[in-house]
Amino acid sequence: MNWYKINDDKTTEQLPEGTYPSYEDCTDENRRVGDNTVNDIRVSTVFIQLDHNWDPDGQPLLFETMIFGGEYDNDMWRYTTWNEAKAGHERIVNCLKEGINPNL
């Protein structure tokens, strides 16, 4: 289980084994990539601090977009970098605005 912190330049850094993120690393200001509402459906993308890629050979999955409400409630996407997460968040928001299934 690998924990990460996010740096000021939005790069991520793996913490030493047995070390956990500090309180300062956990604030919304440091973690929130995007938070939008489209027709009462919330799209939230955050830095999740814990690598959610259980494949030891894969890239860490450190960011997560989730939909809350509507037809795609609880659908989720994960990303390795801030830039991927930001682009993914914008894609999901645009799909919802245009009535397109974000899973395609």
Protein backbone atom coordinates (compact mmCIF):
# COMPACT_ATOMS: atom_id res chain seq x y z
CA MET A 1 0.00 0.00 0.00
CA ASN A 2 1.68 3.22 -1.18
CA TRP A 3 0.73 6.67 0.05
CA TYR A 4 1.57 9.84 -1.88
CA LYS A 5 1.65 13.56 -1.35
CA ILE A 6 1.05 16.27 -3.92
CA ASN A 7 3.64 18.99 -4.42
CA ASP A 8 3.00 22.68 -5.09
CA ASP A 9 3.66 22.11 -8.80
CA LYS A 10 0.96 19.34 -8.82
CA THR A 11 3.48 16.53 -9.24
CA THR A 12 3.14 13.61 -6.84
CA GLU A 13 5.70 12.01 -4.59
CA GLN A 14 5.57 8.59 -2.95
CA LEU A 15 5.95 8.75 0.81
CA PRO A 16 8.41 6.46 2.58
CA GLU A 17 6.94 3.14 3.71
CA GLY A 18 5.07 3.52 6.99
CA THR A 19 4.58 7.27 6.44
CA TYR A 20 1.16 8.80 5.93
CA PRO A 21 0.09 12.15 4.46
CA SER A 22 0.12 15.06 6.88
CA TYR A 23 -2.97 17.14 7.65
CA GLU A 24 -1.66 19.86 5.33
CA ASP A 25 -1.49 17.30 2.52
CA CYS A 26 -5.17 16.47 3.03
CA THR A 27 -6.85 19.87 2.61
CA ASP A 28 -9.34 20.41 -0.20
CA GLU A 29 -7.13 23.18 -1.55
CA ASN A 30 -4.33 20.68 -2.17
CA ARG A 31 -6.54 17.80 -3.33
CA ARG A 32 -9.37 19.24 -5.44
CA VAL A 33 -8.83 19.07 -9.20
CA GLY A 34 -12.38 19.98 -10.15
CA ASP A 35 -15.90 20.19 -8.76
CA ASN A 36 -18.79 21.01 -11.08
CA THR A 37 -22.55 20.58 -11.11
CA VAL A 38 -24.44 19.87 -14.32
CA ASN A 39 -28.25 19.77 -13.97
CA ASP A 40 -28.08 18.69 -10.29
CA ILE A 41 -25.39 16.08 -11.06
CA ARG A 42 -22.10 16.64 -9.26
CA VAL A 43 -18.75 15.76 -10.85
CA SER A 44 -15.85 15.75 -8.42
CA THR A 45 -12.18 15.02 -9.12
CA VAL A 46 -9.68 14.75 -6.29
CA PHE A 47 -6.19 13.54 -5.42
CA ILE A 48 -6.87 10.38 -3.37
CA GLN A 49 -3.36 10.01 -1.83
CA LEU A 50 -3.40 6.20 -1.83
CA ASP A 51 -2.35 4.31 -4.97
CA HIS A 52 -5.47 2.47 -6.15
CA ASN A 53 -3.69 0.46 -8.83
CA TRP A 54 -3.35 -3.00 -7.35
CA ASP A 55 -1.12 -4.16 -10.25
CA PRO A 56 2.44 -3.82 -8.89
CA ASP A 57 3.76 -3.23 -12.42
CA GLY A 58 1.23 -0.53 -13.31
CA GLN A 59 1.39 3.23 -12.93
CA PRO A 60 -0.05 4.57 -9.66
CA LEU A 61 -3.68 5.66 -9.81
CA LEU A 62 -3.78 8.71 -7.55
CA PHE A 63 -6.66 10.84 -8.82
CA GLU A 64 -10.33 9.99 -9.06
CA THR A 65 -13.36 11.47 -10.79
CA MET A 66 -16.79 10.47 -9.52
CA ILE A 67 -20.32 11.35 -10.57
CA PHE A 68 -22.90 11.88 -7.84
CA GLY A 69 -26.52 11.72 -8.97
CA GLY A 70 -28.32 11.08 -12.19
CA GLU A 71 -28.07 8.17 -14.59
CA TYR A 72 -24.32 7.69 -14.04
CA ASP A 73 -24.37 7.97 -10.23
CA ASN A 74 -21.18 6.53 -8.68
CA ASP A 75 -19.41 6.03 -12.02
CA MET A 76 -15.70 6.58 -11.50
CA TRP A 77 -12.47 7.10 -13.43
CA ARG A 78 -8.90 7.07 -12.08
CA TYR A 79 -5.74 8.73 -13.33
CA THR A 80 -2.01 8.88 -12.65
CA THR A 81 -1.29 12.62 -13.01
CA TRP A 82 -2.94 15.95 -12.22
CA ASN A 83 -3.06 16.84 -15.93
CA GLU A 84 -4.75 13.55 -16.82
CA ALA A 85 -7.25 14.08 -14.00
CA LYS A 86 -8.00 17.65 -15.09
CA ALA A 87 -8.55 16.56 -18.70
CA GLY A 88 -10.69 13.62 -17.56
CA HIS A 89 -12.78 15.85 -15.31
CA GLU A 90 -13.42 18.31 -18.14
CA ARG A 91 -14.34 15.46 -20.50
CA ILE A 92 -16.90 14.06 -18.05
CA VAL A 93 -18.43 17.50 -17.43
CA ASN A 94 -18.67 18.16 -21.17
CA CYS A 95 -20.26 14.74 -21.81
CA LEU A 96 -22.94 15.46 -19.22
CA LYS A 97 -23.57 18.94 -20.64
CA GLU A 98 -23.98 17.45 -24.13
CA GLY A 99 -26.06 14.44 -23.02
CA ILE A 100 -23.35 11.96 -24.03
CA ASN A 101 -22.63 8.78 -22.05
CA PRO A 102 -19.29 9.55 -20.32
CA ASN A 103 -18.40 5.84 -20.33
CA LEU A 104 -17.96 5.71 -24.10
